[in-house]
Amino acid sequence: MQQIDEAESRNASRRLRCVRQITEADEETLQIVSSVLDRMNLGPKPERKKRARTLRPEAEKGGSA
């Protein structure tokens, strides 16, 4: 009977540690989401100009030599 009580006690403490870790992770996740939303609310960003691709020489592409 004592072994069962000890096992239950270990399981209870393990569950408590897991709950604490989940709670901490959840707070961290909420902080990350909050900062991302704050950045999104700054307003529209100016459009970027796309650069034209430059062709590499055949030797750099690994083409037939």
PDB file of N, CA and C in Angstrom:
ATOM      1  N   MET A   1       0.821  -1.192   0.000  1.00  0.00           N
ATOM      2  CA  MET A   1       0.000   0.000   0.000  1.00  0.00           C
ATOM      3  C   MET A   1       0.867   1.259   0.000  1.00  0.00           C
ATOM      4  N   GLN A   2       1.985   1.194   0.719  1.00  0.00           N
ATOM      5  CA  GLN A   2       2.868   2.345   0.798  1.00  0.00           C
ATOM      6  C   GLN A   2       3.504   2.644  -0.562  1.00  0.00           C
ATOM      7  N   GLN A   3       3.816   1.589  -1.321  1.00  0.00           N
ATOM      8  CA  GLN A   3       4.405   1.776  -2.645  1.00  0.00           C
ATOM      9  C   GLN A   3       3.430   2.485  -3.573  1.00  0.00           C
ATOM     10  N   ILE A   4       2.166   2.169  -3.468  1.00  0.00           N
ATOM     11  CA  ILE A   4       1.144   2.811  -4.304  1.00  0.00           C
ATOM     12  C   ILE A   4       1.059   4.294  -3.972  1.00  0.00           C
ATOM     13  N   ASP A   5       1.085   4.623  -2.675  1.00  0.00           N
ATOM     14  CA  ASP A   5       1.033   6.020  -2.248  1.00  0.00           C
ATOM     15  C   ASP A   5       2.252   6.797  -2.762  1.00  0.00           C
ATOM     16  N   GLU A   6       3.426   6.160  -2.697  1.00  0.00           N
ATOM     17  CA  GLU A   6       4.644   6.819  -3.184  1.00  0.00           C
ATOM     18  C   GLU A   6       4.575   7.047  -4.691  1.00  0.00           C
ATOM     19  N   ALA A   7       4.070   6.067  -5.415  1.00  0.00           N
ATOM     20  CA  ALA A   7       3.945   6.203  -6.868  1.00  0.00           C
ATOM     21  C   ALA A   7       2.956   7.303  -7.224  1.00  0.00           C
ATOM     22  N   GLU A   8       1.835   7.362  -6.507  1.00  0.00           N
ATOM     23  CA  GLU A   8       0.850   8.417  -6.761  1.00  0.00           C
ATOM     24  C   GLU A   8       1.423   9.790  -6.450  1.00  0.00           C
ATOM     25  N   SER A   9       2.228   9.865  -5.395  1.00  0.00           N
ATOM     26  CA  SER A   9       2.854  11.132  -5.028  1.00  0.00           C
ATOM     27  C   SER A   9       3.822  11.589  -6.124  1.00  0.00           C
ATOM     28  N   ARG A  10       4.604  10.642  -6.657  1.00  0.00           N
ATOM     29  CA  ARG A  10       5.533  10.982  -7.749  1.00  0.00           C
ATOM     30  C   ARG A  10       4.764  11.429  -8.983  1.00  0.00           C
ATOM     31  N   ASN A  11       3.676  10.728  -9.294  1.00  0.00           N
ATOM     32  CA  ASN A  11       2.870  11.103 -10.450  1.00  0.00           C
ATOM     33  C   ASN A  11       2.236  12.480 -10.266  1.00  0.00           C
ATOM     34  N   ALA A  12       1.789  12.765  -9.058  1.00  0.00           N
ATOM     35  CA  ALA A  12       1.180  14.072  -8.788  1.00  0.00           C
ATOM     36  C   ALA A  12       2.206  15.185  -8.943  1.00  0.00           C
ATOM     37  N   SER A  13       3.417  14.972  -8.437  1.00  0.00           N
ATOM     38  CA  SER A  13       4.444  16.009  -8.575  1.00  0.00           C
ATOM     39  C   SER A  13       4.864  16.163 -10.031  1.00  0.00           C
ATOM     40  N   ARG A  14       4.896  15.075 -10.780  1.00  0.00           N
ATOM     41  CA  ARG A  14       5.229  15.147 -12.208  1.00  0.00           C
ATOM     42  C   ARG A  14       4.155  15.927 -12.959  1.00  0.00           C
ATOM     43  N   ARG A  15       2.882  15.643 -12.624  1.00  0.00           N
ATOM     44  CA  ARG A  15       1.787  16.376 -13.263  1.00  0.00           C
ATOM     45  C   ARG A  15       1.858  17.859 -12.948  1.00  0.00           C
ATOM     46  N   LEU A  16       2.191  18.186 -11.706  1.00  0.00           N
ATOM     47  CA  LEU A  16       2.303  19.586 -11.316  1.00  0.00           C
ATOM     48  C   LEU A  16       3.421  20.278 -12.086  1.00  0.00           C
ATOM     49  N   ARG A  17       4.565  19.609 -12.247  1.00  0.00           N
ATOM     50  CA  ARG A  17       5.666  20.185 -13.034  1.00  0.00           C
ATOM     51  C   ARG A  17       5.235  20.400 -14.480  1.00  0.00           C
ATOM     52  N   CYS A  18       4.524  19.445 -15.047  1.00  0.00           N
ATOM     53  CA  CYS A  18       4.059  19.571 -16.434  1.00  0.00           C
ATOM     54  C   CYS A  18       3.093  20.737 -16.584  1.00  0.00           C
ATOM     55  N   VAL A  19       2.180  20.877 -15.643  1.00  0.00           N
ATOM     56  CA  VAL A  19       1.219  21.980 -15.701  1.00  0.00           C
ATOM     57  C   VAL A  19       1.956  23.310 -15.615  1.00  0.00           C
ATOM     58  N   ARG A  20       2.945  23.392 -14.739  1.00  0.00           N
ATOM     59  CA  ARG A  20       3.730  24.630 -14.633  1.00  0.00           C
ATOM     60  C   ARG A  20       4.447  24.943 -15.937  1.00  0.00           C
ATOM     61  N   GLN A  21       5.045  23.933 -16.560  1.00  0.00           N
ATOM     62  CA  GLN A  21       5.745  24.150 -17.826  1.00  0.00           C
ATOM     63  C   GLN A  21       4.790  24.601 -18.916  1.00  0.00           C
ATOM     64  N   ILE A  22       3.618  23.993 -18.979  1.00  0.00           N
ATOM     65  CA  ILE A  22       2.627  24.384 -19.982  1.00  0.00           C
ATOM     66  C   ILE A  22       2.179  25.821 -19.752  1.00  0.00           C
ATOM     67  N   THR A  23       1.975  26.184 -18.505  1.00  0.00           N
ATOM     68  CA  THR A  23       1.551  27.540 -18.176  1.00  0.00           C
ATOM     69  C   THR A  23       2.618  28.549 -18.585  1.00  0.00           C
ATOM     70  N   GLU A  24       3.874  28.250 -18.294  1.00  0.00           N
ATOM     71  CA  GLU A  24       4.955  29.149 -18.667  1.00  0.00           C
ATOM     72  C   GLU A  24       5.071  29.254 -20.186  1.00  0.00           C
ATOM     73  N   ALA A  25       4.958  28.153 -20.871  1.00  0.00           N
ATOM     74  CA  ALA A  25       5.045  28.169 -22.327  1.00  0.00           C
ATOM     75  C   ALA A  25       3.885  28.967 -22.904  1.00  0.00           C
ATOM     76  N   ASP A  26       2.712  28.845 -22.298  1.00  0.00           N
ATOM     77  CA  ASP A  26       1.563  29.566 -22.793  1.00  0.00           C
ATOM     78  C   ASP A  26       1.758  31.074 -22.639  1.00  0.00           C
ATOM     79  N   GLU A  27       2.318  31.510 -21.521  1.00  0.00           N
ATOM     80  CA  GLU A  27       2.586  32.933 -21.320  1.00  0.00           C
ATOM     81  C   GLU A  27       3.587  33.437 -22.355  1.00  0.00           C
ATOM     82  N   GLU A  28       4.612  32.648 -22.616  1.00  0.00           N
ATOM     83  CA  GLU A  28       5.614  33.033 -23.609  1.00  0.00           C
ATOM     84  C   GLU A  28       4.981  33.126 -24.992  1.00  0.00           C
ATOM     85  N   THR A  29       4.133  32.171 -25.317  1.00  0.00           N
ATOM     86  CA  THR A  29       3.453  32.186 -26.610  1.00  0.00           C
ATOM     87  C   THR A  29       2.573  33.416 -26.743  1.00  0.00           C
ATOM     88  N   LEU A  30       1.864  33.761 -25.687  1.00  0.00           N
ATOM     89  CA  LEU A  30       1.019  34.957 -25.723  1.00  0.00           C
ATOM     90  C   LEU A  30       1.850  36.219 -25.918  1.00  0.00           C
ATOM     91  N   GLN A  31       3.017  36.289 -25.322  1.00  0.00           N
ATOM     92  CA  GLN A  31       3.883  37.449 -25.503  1.00  0.00           C
ATOM     93  C   GLN A  31       4.362  37.547 -26.944  1.00  0.00           C
ATOM     94  N   ILE A  32       4.696  36.413 -27.533  1.00  0.00           N
ATOM     95  CA  ILE A  32       5.152  36.409 -28.931  1.00  0.00           C
ATOM     96  C   ILE A  32       4.018  36.862 -29.846  1.00  0.00           C
ATOM     97  N   VAL A  33       2.832  36.305 -29.643  1.00  0.00           N
ATOM     98  CA  VAL A  33       1.677  36.678 -30.470  1.00  0.00           C
ATOM     99  C   VAL A  33       1.370  38.158 -30.308  1.00  0.00           C
ATOM    100  N   SER A  34       1.439  38.652 -29.092  1.00  0.00           N
ATOM    101  CA  SER A  34       1.163  40.064 -28.834  1.00  0.00           C
ATOM    102  C   SER A  34       2.157  40.960 -29.564  1.00  0.00           C
ATOM    103  N   SER A  35       3.432  40.617 -29.540  1.00  0.00           N
ATOM    104  CA  SER A  35       4.428  41.445 -30.224  1.00  0.00           C
ATOM    105  C   SER A  35       4.252  41.409 -31.736  1.00  0.00           C
ATOM    106  N   VAL A  36       3.879  40.254 -32.264  1.00  0.00           N
ATOM    107  CA  VAL A  36       3.630  40.160 -33.710  1.00  0.00           C
ATOM    108  C   VAL A  36       2.430  41.015 -34.092  1.00  0.00           C
ATOM    109  N   LEU A  37       1.367  40.957 -33.303  1.00  0.00           N
ATOM    110  CA  LEU A  37       0.185  41.776 -33.596  1.00  0.00           C
ATOM    111  C   LEU A  37       0.497  43.260 -33.484  1.00  0.00           C
ATOM    112  N   ASP A  38       1.324  43.636 -32.519  1.00  0.00           N
ATOM    113  CA  ASP A  38       1.718  45.037 -32.399  1.00  0.00           C
ATOM    114  C   ASP A  38       2.453  45.506 -33.647  1.00  0.00           C
ATOM    115  N   ARG A  39       3.334  44.677 -34.176  1.00  0.00           N
ATOM    116  CA  ARG A  39       4.064  45.046 -35.403  1.00  0.00           C
ATOM    117  C   ARG A  39       3.111  45.175 -36.587  1.00  0.00           C
ATOM    118  N   MET A  40       2.108  44.326 -36.637  1.00  0.00           N
ATOM    119  CA  MET A  40       1.169  44.367 -37.762  1.00  0.00           C
ATOM    120  C   MET A  40       0.301  45.621 -37.710  1.00  0.00           C
ATOM    121  N   ASN A  41       0.063  46.147 -36.532  1.00  0.00           N
ATOM    122  CA  ASN A  41      -0.795  47.315 -36.377  1.00  0.00           C
ATOM    123  C   ASN A  41      -0.076  48.629 -36.662  1.00  0.00           C
ATOM    124  N   LEU A  42       1.200  48.589 -37.023  1.00  0.00           N
ATOM    125  CA  LEU A  42       1.941  49.811 -37.291  1.00  0.00           C
ATOM    126  C   LEU A  42       1.482  50.494 -38.567  1.00  0.00           C
ATOM    127  N   GLY A  43       0.831  49.803 -39.425  1.00  0.00           N
ATOM    128  CA  GLY A  43       0.361  50.374 -40.674  1.00  0.00           C
ATOM    129  C   GLY A  43       0.964  49.650 -41.852  1.00  0.00           C
ATOM    130  N   PRO A  44       0.488  50.007 -43.048  1.00  0.00           N
ATOM    131  CA  PRO A  44       0.995  49.314 -44.237  1.00  0.00           C
ATOM    132  C   PRO A  44       2.445  49.683 -44.518  1.00  0.00           C
ATOM    133  N   LYS A  45       3.195  48.704 -44.949  1.00  0.00           N
ATOM    134  CA  LYS A  45       4.589  48.934 -45.316  1.00  0.00           C
ATOM    135  C   LYS A  45       4.649  49.392 -46.767  1.00  0.00           C
ATOM    136  N   PRO A  46       5.635  50.203 -47.100  1.00  0.00           N
ATOM    137  CA  PRO A  46       5.781  50.595 -48.509  1.00  0.00           C
ATOM    138  C   PRO A  46       6.153  49.380 -49.354  1.00  0.00           C
ATOM    139  N   GLU A  47       5.680  49.376 -50.580  1.00  0.00           N
ATOM    140  CA  GLU A  47       5.968  48.242 -51.459  1.00  0.00           C
ATOM    141  C   GLU A  47       7.429  48.239 -51.844  1.00  0.00           C
ATOM    142  N   ARG A  48       7.988  47.053 -51.889  1.00  0.00           N
ATOM    143  CA  ARG A  48       9.392  46.909 -52.280  1.00  0.00           C
ATOM    144  C   ARG A  48       9.476  46.671 -53.775  1.00  0.00           C
ATOM    145  N   LYS A  49      10.564  47.158 -54.352  1.00  0.00           N
ATOM    146  CA  LYS A  49      10.808  46.897 -55.767  1.00  0.00           C
ATOM    147  C   LYS A  49      11.502  45.551 -55.895  1.00  0.00           C
ATOM    148  N   LYS A  50      11.068  44.771 -56.846  1.00  0.00           N
ATOM    149  CA  LYS A  50      11.680  43.463 -57.067  1.00  0.00           C
ATOM    150  C   LYS A  50      12.916  43.634 -57.936  1.00  0.00           C
ATOM    151  N   ARG A  51      13.968  42.896 -57.560  1.00  0.00           N
ATOM    152  CA  ARG A  51      15.193  42.942 -58.354  1.00  0.00           C
ATOM    153  C   ARG A  51      15.109  41.915 -59.468  1.00  0.00           C
ATOM    154  N   ALA A  52      15.740  42.250 -60.571  1.00  0.00           N
ATOM    155  CA  ALA A  52      15.797  41.312 -61.689  1.00  0.00           C
ATOM    156  C   ALA A  52      16.837  40.240 -61.370  1.00  0.00           C
ATOM    157  N   ARG A  53      16.549  39.030 -61.773  1.00  0.00           N
ATOM    158  CA  ARG A  53      17.513  37.953 -61.553  1.00  0.00           C
ATOM    159  C   ARG A  53      18.677  38.091 -62.517  1.00  0.00           C
ATOM    160  N   THR A  54      19.864  37.797 -62.019  1.00  0.00           N
ATOM    161  CA  THR A  54      21.030  37.792 -62.889  1.00  0.00           C
ATOM    162  C   THR A  54      21.372  36.346 -63.193  1.00  0.00           C
ATOM    163  N   LEU A  55      21.759  36.077 -64.402  1.00  0.00           N
ATOM    164  CA  LEU A  55      22.111  34.722 -64.802  1.00  0.00           C
ATOM    165  C   LEU A  55      23.541  34.426 -64.386  1.00  0.00           C
ATOM    166  N   ARG A  56      23.733  33.244 -63.809  1.00  0.00           N
ATOM    167  CA  ARG A  56      25.070  32.834 -63.414  1.00  0.00           C
ATOM    168  C   ARG A  56      25.756  32.164 -64.590  1.00  0.00           C
ATOM    169  N   PRO A  57      27.088  32.244 -64.636  1.00  0.00           N
ATOM    170  CA  PRO A  57      27.823  31.532 -65.688  1.00  0.00           C
ATOM    171  C   PRO A  57      27.618  30.030 -65.536  1.00  0.00           C
ATOM    172  N   GLU A  58      27.757  29.309 -66.622  1.00  0.00           N
ATOM    173  CA  GLU A  58      27.550  27.848 -66.624  1.00  0.00           C
ATOM    174  C   GLU A  58      28.441  27.122 -65.625  1.00  0.00           C
ATOM    175  N   ALA A  59      29.680  27.603 -65.417  1.00  0.00           N
ATOM    176  CA  ALA A  59      30.608  26.926 -64.518  1.00  0.00           C
ATOM    177  C   ALA A  59      30.064  26.946 -63.080  1.00  0.00           C
ATOM    178  N   GLU A  60      29.427  28.030 -62.669  1.00  0.00           N
ATOM    179  CA  GLU A  60      28.893  28.108 -61.312  1.00  0.00           C
ATOM    180  C   GLU A  60      27.629  27.289 -61.153  1.00  0.00           C
ATOM    181  N   LYS A  61      26.873  27.100 -62.212  1.00  0.00           N
ATOM    182  CA  LYS A  61      25.640  26.331 -62.146  1.00  0.00           C
ATOM    183  C   LYS A  61      25.896  24.847 -61.969  1.00  0.00           C
ATOM    184  N   GLY A  62      27.102  24.430 -62.301  1.00  0.00           N
ATOM    185  CA  GLY A  62      27.381  23.009 -62.260  1.00  0.00           C
ATOM    186  C   GLY A  62      26.951  22.331 -63.552  1.00  0.00           C
ATOM    187  N   GLY A  63      26.981  23.097 -64.625  1.00  0.00           N
ATOM    188  CA  GLY A  63      26.577  22.566 -65.926  1.00  0.00           C
ATOM    189  C   GLY A  63      27.631  21.643 -66.497  1.00  0.00           C
ATOM    190  N   SER A  64      27.389  21.150 -67.687  1.00  0.00           N
ATOM    191  CA  SER A  64      28.339  20.221 -68.303  1.00  0.00           C
ATOM    192  C   SER A  64      29.605  20.954 -68.692  1.00  0.00           C
ATOM    193  N   ALA A  65      30.753  20.298 -68.455  1.00  0.00           N
ATOM    194  CA  ALA A  65      32.033  20.904 -68.790  1.00  0.00           C
ATOM    195  C   ALA A  65      32.855  19.965 -69.617  1.00  0.00           C
TER     196      ALA A  65
END
